[in-house]
N, C-alpha and C. Protein backbone atom coordinates (compact mmCIF):
# COMPACT_ATOMS: atom_id res chain seq x y z
N MET A 1 -17.25 25.89 46.43
CA MET A 1 -16.32 25.05 45.67
C MET A 1 -14.93 25.12 46.29
N ASP A 2 -14.46 23.97 46.76
CA ASP A 2 -13.13 23.97 47.38
C ASP A 2 -12.09 23.37 46.44
N ASN A 3 -10.87 23.26 46.93
CA ASN A 3 -9.76 22.80 46.09
C ASN A 3 -9.98 21.40 45.53
N LYS A 4 -10.60 20.51 46.35
CA LYS A 4 -10.81 19.14 45.91
C LYS A 4 -11.71 19.11 44.68
N ASP A 5 -12.77 19.93 44.69
CA ASP A 5 -13.68 20.00 43.53
C ASP A 5 -12.94 20.48 42.30
N ILE A 6 -12.11 21.50 42.47
CA ILE A 6 -11.36 22.06 41.35
C ILE A 6 -10.41 21.02 40.77
N ILE A 7 -9.73 20.28 41.65
CA ILE A 7 -8.79 19.24 41.20
C ILE A 7 -9.54 18.15 40.45
N THR A 8 -10.70 17.73 40.97
CA THR A 8 -11.51 16.70 40.32
C THR A 8 -11.96 17.17 38.95
N LEU A 9 -12.43 18.41 38.88
CA LEU A 9 -12.90 18.99 37.62
C LEU A 9 -11.76 19.06 36.61
N THR A 10 -10.60 19.51 37.06
CA THR A 10 -9.43 19.60 36.18
C THR A 10 -9.07 18.22 35.66
N GLY A 11 -9.10 17.22 36.53
CA GLY A 11 -8.80 15.85 36.14
C GLY A 11 -9.76 15.34 35.08
N MET A 12 -11.05 15.64 35.25
CA MET A 12 -12.05 15.23 34.27
C MET A 12 -11.81 15.89 32.93
N VAL A 13 -11.57 17.19 32.95
CA VAL A 13 -11.31 17.94 31.71
C VAL A 13 -10.08 17.38 31.01
N LEU A 14 -9.02 17.12 31.78
CA LEU A 14 -7.79 16.58 31.21
C LEU A 14 -8.00 15.22 30.59
N SER A 15 -8.78 14.35 31.26
CA SER A 15 -8.98 13.01 30.72
C SER A 15 -9.81 13.06 29.44
N ILE A 16 -10.80 13.97 29.38
CA ILE A 16 -11.58 14.15 28.16
C ILE A 16 -10.68 14.66 27.04
N PHE A 17 -9.83 15.62 27.37
CA PHE A 17 -8.88 16.20 26.41
C PHE A 17 -7.95 15.12 25.85
N VAL A 18 -7.43 14.28 26.75
CA VAL A 18 -6.52 13.20 26.37
C VAL A 18 -7.23 12.20 25.46
N ALA A 19 -8.47 11.82 25.83
CA ALA A 19 -9.23 10.88 25.02
C ALA A 19 -9.48 11.44 23.62
N THR A 20 -9.81 12.74 23.56
CA THR A 20 -10.05 13.39 22.27
C THR A 20 -8.78 13.39 21.42
N LEU A 21 -7.65 13.71 22.06
CA LEU A 21 -6.36 13.70 21.35
C LEU A 21 -6.08 12.34 20.74
N ILE A 22 -6.30 11.28 21.54
CA ILE A 22 -6.03 9.92 21.06
C ILE A 22 -6.95 9.59 19.90
N LEU A 23 -8.22 10.00 19.99
CA LEU A 23 -9.17 9.73 18.91
C LEU A 23 -8.75 10.44 17.63
N ILE A 24 -8.31 11.69 17.77
CA ILE A 24 -7.96 12.48 16.59
C ILE A 24 -6.63 12.00 15.99
N ALA A 25 -5.62 11.86 16.84
CA ALA A 25 -4.26 11.62 16.35
C ALA A 25 -3.95 10.13 16.18
N GLY A 26 -4.80 9.27 16.74
CA GLY A 26 -4.47 7.85 16.76
C GLY A 26 -3.71 7.52 18.04
N ILE A 27 -3.73 6.25 18.42
CA ILE A 27 -3.19 5.88 19.73
C ILE A 27 -1.70 6.18 19.84
N ASP A 28 -0.93 5.82 18.82
CA ASP A 28 0.53 6.01 18.89
C ASP A 28 0.90 7.47 19.06
N LYS A 29 0.36 8.32 18.18
CA LYS A 29 0.67 9.75 18.25
C LYS A 29 0.08 10.36 19.51
N GLY A 30 -1.11 9.91 19.89
CA GLY A 30 -1.76 10.43 21.10
C GLY A 30 -0.91 10.19 22.33
N ILE A 31 -0.41 8.96 22.46
CA ILE A 31 0.42 8.63 23.62
C ILE A 31 1.71 9.44 23.60
N ALA A 32 2.29 9.59 22.42
CA ALA A 32 3.52 10.38 22.30
C ALA A 32 3.28 11.82 22.73
N LEU A 33 2.14 12.39 22.29
CA LEU A 33 1.79 13.76 22.66
C LEU A 33 1.60 13.89 24.16
N ILE A 34 0.89 12.91 24.76
CA ILE A 34 0.62 12.96 26.20
C ILE A 34 1.93 12.88 26.98
N CYS A 35 2.82 11.96 26.58
CA CYS A 35 4.11 11.82 27.26
C CYS A 35 4.90 13.12 27.16
N GLY A 36 4.90 13.72 25.97
CA GLY A 36 5.59 14.98 25.78
C GLY A 36 5.02 16.07 26.68
N TYR A 37 3.68 16.10 26.77
CA TYR A 37 3.00 17.10 27.59
C TYR A 37 3.34 16.91 29.06
N LEU A 38 3.30 15.65 29.53
CA LEU A 38 3.63 15.36 30.93
C LEU A 38 5.07 15.72 31.23
N ASN A 39 5.99 15.39 30.30
CA ASN A 39 7.40 15.73 30.49
C ASN A 39 7.57 17.24 30.61
N TRP A 40 6.82 17.98 29.79
CA TRP A 40 6.89 19.43 29.81
C TRP A 40 6.43 19.97 31.17
N ILE A 41 5.35 19.41 31.72
CA ILE A 41 4.84 19.84 33.03
C ILE A 41 5.90 19.57 34.10
N VAL A 42 6.45 18.35 34.10
CA VAL A 42 7.47 17.98 35.10
C VAL A 42 8.69 18.89 34.98
N PHE A 43 9.09 19.14 33.74
CA PHE A 43 10.24 20.01 33.47
C PHE A 43 10.00 21.40 34.05
N ASN A 44 8.80 21.96 33.81
CA ASN A 44 8.46 23.28 34.33
C ASN A 44 8.46 23.29 35.85
N GLN A 45 7.93 22.21 36.47
CA GLN A 45 7.92 22.10 37.92
C GLN A 45 9.34 22.12 38.46
N MET A 46 10.22 21.35 37.81
CA MET A 46 11.61 21.28 38.26
C MET A 46 12.29 22.64 38.15
N ILE A 47 12.04 23.34 37.04
CA ILE A 47 12.65 24.65 36.84
C ILE A 47 12.16 25.64 37.90
N SER A 48 10.85 25.64 38.17
CA SER A 48 10.31 26.58 39.14
C SER A 48 10.82 26.26 40.55
N MET A 49 10.94 24.96 40.88
CA MET A 49 11.47 24.56 42.18
C MET A 49 12.94 24.97 42.30
N TRP A 50 13.69 24.75 41.22
CA TRP A 50 15.11 25.09 41.21
C TRP A 50 15.28 26.60 41.37
N GLY A 51 14.41 27.36 40.72
CA GLY A 51 14.45 28.81 40.83
C GLY A 51 14.15 29.28 42.25
N LEU A 52 13.20 28.58 42.92
CA LEU A 52 12.84 28.95 44.28
C LEU A 52 13.95 28.58 45.26
N ASN A 53 14.62 27.46 45.03
CA ASN A 53 15.65 26.98 45.95
C ASN A 53 16.96 27.74 45.81
N LYS A 54 17.13 28.43 44.71
CA LYS A 54 18.39 29.10 44.41
C LYS A 54 18.69 30.19 45.43
C-alpha cells in the first residue's frame, strides 16, 4: 500500500462522512459544517507553515 492508495482511501472515507453529515444535518447545515471544517484545516496548515518559517 503506497501513498496514492492511502490518499484515495482517505478521500473515499471523507466523501462518505460528508454525505452522511448532509443527510443527518440537512443540506444547509451540512454545507456550513463542511465549510467550517475545511476552513479549520486550511487555518491549521497556515499556522504550521508559519511556525516552520519563523
